[in-house]
C-alpha atoms as a PDB file:
ATOM      1  CA  MET A   1      -0.049  -0.087  -0.038  1.00  0.00           C
ATOM      2  CA  LYS A   2       1.246   3.419  -0.902  1.00  0.00           C
ATOM      3  CA  ILE A   3       0.156   6.838   0.350  1.00  0.00           C
ATOM      4  CA  ARG A   4       0.871  10.090  -1.238  1.00  0.00           C
ATOM      5  CA  TRP A   5       0.434  13.455   0.211  1.00  0.00           C
ATOM      6  CA  ARG A   6      -1.056  15.672  -2.344  1.00  0.00           C
ATOM      7  CA  LEU A   7      -1.625  19.163  -0.448  1.00  0.00           C
ATOM      8  CA  ARG A   8       0.773  21.240  -2.856  1.00  0.00           C
ATOM      9  CA  MET A   9      -0.984  19.664  -6.053  1.00  0.00           C
ATOM     10  CA  ALA A  10      -4.431  20.438  -4.197  1.00  0.00           C
ATOM     11  CA  ALA A  11      -3.740  24.059  -3.249  1.00  0.00           C
ATOM     12  CA  ALA A  12      -1.988  24.715  -6.964  1.00  0.00           C
ATOM     13  CA  GLN A  13      -5.262  23.580  -8.404  1.00  0.00           C
ATOM     14  CA  ARG A  14      -7.034  26.180  -6.437  1.00  0.00           C
ATOM     15  CA  GLU A  15      -4.266  28.786  -7.367  1.00  0.00           C
ATOM     16  CA  VAL A  16      -2.685  28.886  -3.736  1.00  0.00           C
ATOM     17  CA  TRP A  17       0.866  28.835  -4.263  1.00  0.00           C
ATOM     18  CA  THR A  18       2.608  29.682  -0.911  1.00  0.00           C
ATOM     19  CA  GLY A  19       2.404  28.607   2.648  1.00  0.00           C
ATOM     20  CA  THR A  20       1.564  32.192   3.443  1.00  0.00           C
ATOM     21  CA  GLU A  21      -1.602  32.293   1.353  1.00  0.00           C
ATOM     22  CA  LEU A  22      -2.657  28.900   2.728  1.00  0.00           C
ATOM     23  CA  ARG A  23      -2.018  30.074   6.278  1.00  0.00           C
ATOM     24  CA  ARG A  24      -4.507  33.202   5.349  1.00  0.00           C
ATOM     25  CA  LEU A  25      -7.308  30.943   4.073  1.00  0.00           C
ATOM     26  CA  LEU A  26      -6.889  28.563   6.960  1.00  0.00           C
ATOM     27  CA  ALA A  27      -7.376  31.472   9.469  1.00  0.00           C
ATOM     28  CA  GLU A  28     -10.199  33.105   7.373  1.00  0.00           C
ATOM     29  CA  LYS A  29     -12.163  30.370   6.322  1.00  0.00           C
ATOM     30  CA  ALA A  30     -11.507  27.494   8.676  1.00  0.00           C
ATOM     31  CA  GLY A  31     -10.607  29.545  11.944  1.00  0.00           C
ATOM     32  CA  VAL A  32      -7.283  27.607  12.335  1.00  0.00           C
ATOM     33  CA  GLU A  33      -4.214  29.382  13.341  1.00  0.00           C
ATOM     34  CA  LEU A  34      -1.170  27.328  12.473  1.00  0.00           C
ATOM     35  CA  SER A  35       2.464  28.565  12.615  1.00  0.00           C
ATOM     36  CA  SER A  36       4.349  29.241   9.625  1.00  0.00           C
ATOM     37  CA  ALA A  37       6.852  26.386  10.240  1.00  0.00           C
ATOM     38  CA  SER A  38       3.781  23.796  10.532  1.00  0.00           C
ATOM     39  CA  VAL A  39       2.093  25.232   7.239  1.00  0.00           C
ATOM     40  CA  SER A  40       5.549  25.032   5.613  1.00  0.00           C
ATOM     41  CA  ALA A  41       6.063  21.419   6.795  1.00  0.00           C
ATOM     42  CA  LEU A  42       2.703  20.429   5.620  1.00  0.00           C
ATOM     43  CA  PHE A  43       3.307  22.270   2.266  1.00  0.00           C
ATOM     44  CA  THR A  44       6.813  20.816   1.536  1.00  0.00           C
ATOM     45  CA  LYS A  45       6.948  17.363   3.454  1.00  0.00           C
ATOM     46  CA  GLU A  46       5.092  14.103   3.376  1.00  0.00           C
ATOM     47  CA  PRO A  47       3.593  13.866   7.008  1.00  0.00           C
ATOM     48  CA  SER A  48       3.870  10.689   8.890  1.00  0.00           C
ATOM     49  CA  GLN A  49       0.584  11.607  10.466  1.00  0.00           C
ATOM     50  CA  VAL A  50      -2.128  14.457  10.428  1.00  0.00           C
ATOM     51  CA  LYS A  51      -4.546  15.443  12.918  1.00  0.00           C
ATOM     52  CA  MET A  52      -8.156  14.991  11.855  1.00  0.00           C
ATOM     53  CA  THR A  53      -8.832  18.690  12.948  1.00  0.00           C
ATOM     54  CA  THR A  54      -6.054  19.971  10.606  1.00  0.00           C
ATOM     55  CA  LEU A  55      -7.245  17.702   7.961  1.00  0.00           C
ATOM     56  CA  ALA A  56     -10.834  19.041   8.343  1.00  0.00           C
ATOM     57  CA  ALA A  57      -9.322  22.824   8.356  1.00  0.00           C
ATOM     58  CA  LEU A  58      -7.246  22.288   5.077  1.00  0.00           C
ATOM     59  CA  CYS A  59     -10.300  20.789   3.307  1.00  0.00           C
ATOM     60  CA  THR A  60     -12.389  23.785   4.440  1.00  0.00           C
ATOM     61  CA  ALA A  61      -9.738  26.308   3.604  1.00  0.00           C
ATOM     62  CA  LEU A  62      -9.076  24.854  -0.129  1.00  0.00           C
ATOM     63  CA  GLU A  63     -12.878  23.439  -0.364  1.00  0.00           C
ATOM     64  CA  CYS A  64     -11.827  20.098  -1.097  1.00  0.00           C
ATOM     65  CA  THR A  65     -12.230  16.597   0.303  1.00  0.00           C
ATOM     66  CA  PRO A  66      -9.657  14.332   1.855  1.00  0.00           C
ATOM     67  CA  ASN A  67      -9.300  12.400  -1.354  1.00  0.00           C
ATOM     68  CA  ASP A  68      -7.997  15.606  -2.983  1.00  0.00           C
ATOM     69  CA  LEU A  69      -5.259  15.534  -0.193  1.00  0.00           C
ATOM     70  CA  ILE A  70      -4.390  12.047   0.306  1.00  0.00           C
ATOM     71  CA  GLU A  71      -4.221   9.558  -2.400  1.00  0.00           C
ATOM     72  CA  VAL A  72      -4.068   5.836  -1.213  1.00  0.00           C
ATOM     73  CA  ASP A  73      -2.987   2.900  -3.490  1.00  0.00           C
ATOM     74  CA  THR A  74      -4.611  -0.159  -1.872  1.00  0.00           C
ATOM     75  CA  THR A  75      -3.215  -2.342  -4.629  1.00  0.00           C
ATOM     76  CA  PRO A  76      -2.217  -5.615  -2.638  1.00  0.00           C
ATOM     77  CA  VAL A  77       1.362  -6.522  -2.599  1.00  0.00           C
ATOM     78  CA  GLU A  78       2.287  -9.810  -3.888  1.00  0.00           C
ATOM     79  CA  ARG A  79       4.477 -11.651  -1.811  1.00  0.00           C
ATOM     80  CA  PRO A  80       6.601 -14.707  -3.068  1.00  0.00           C
ATOM     81  CA  ILE A  81       5.096 -18.107  -1.967  1.00  0.00           C
ATOM     82  CA  ALA A  82       7.571 -19.452   0.534  1.00  0.00           C
ATOM     83  CA  PRO A  83       8.419 -23.283   0.566  1.00  0.00           C
ATOM     84  CA  PRO A  84       6.550 -25.216   3.338  1.00  0.00           C
ATOM     85  CA  ARG A  85       8.579 -25.586   6.346  1.00  0.00           C
ATOM     86  CA  PRO A  86       9.543 -29.137   7.545  1.00  0.00           C
ATOM     87  CA  VAL A  87       7.690 -30.324  10.438  1.00  0.00           C
ATOM     88  CA  ALA A  88      10.277 -31.727  13.185  1.00  0.00           C
ATOM     89  CA  ASP A  89       9.875 -35.267  14.164  1.00  0.00           C
ATOM     90  CA  LEU A  90       7.744 -35.756  17.461  1.00  0.00           C
ATOM     91  CA  PRO A  91       9.560 -37.909  20.088  1.00  0.00           C
ATOM     92  CA  GLN A  92       8.201 -41.505  20.475  1.00  0.00           C
ATOM     93  CA  ALA A  93       7.427 -41.322  23.968  1.00  0.00           C
ATOM     94  CA  ALA A  94       4.998 -38.482  23.505  1.00  0.00           C
ATOM     95  CA  SER A  95       1.404 -39.420  23.823  1.00  0.00           C
ATOM     96  CA  ALA A  96      -1.097 -38.557  20.842  1.00  0.00           C
ATOM     97  CA  ARG A  97      -1.917 -35.293  22.598  1.00  0.00           C
ATOM     98  CA  GLY A  98       1.862 -34.198  22.730  1.00  0.00           C
ATOM     99  CA  ARG A  99       2.025 -34.710  26.261  1.00  0.00           C
ATOM    100  CA  SER A 100       3.990 -37.393  28.497  1.00  0.00           C
ATOM    101  CA  MET A 101       2.743 -39.243  31.648  1.00  0.00           C
ATOM    102  CA  PRO A 102       3.402 -37.702  34.974  1.00  0.00           C
ATOM    103  CA  PRO A 103       5.909 -39.646  37.052  1.00  0.00           C
ATOM    104  CA  LEU A 104       4.524 -42.171  39.820  1.00  0.00           C
END
């Protein structure tokens, strides 16, 4: 599975070109004040996590949906078929349930 952060593309499609413009939109439309550093990080890097409130504010400010900001590729990953592992020989003294009898 692959996840791509598409904030820069979504913003550009709405003619928002800088972090300063995005920060202003977040304050005006969503009522959210983010630091310049936070907006810059969202704009230039792929975050490892995003708060739901931040995602909602971005969607409100840019008038988009989360699908416009996050692209998720859910194609299953193909894994090579592993050869079957050999089963170890069980000791002959073990009972059918795999336990030995307690001492007398």
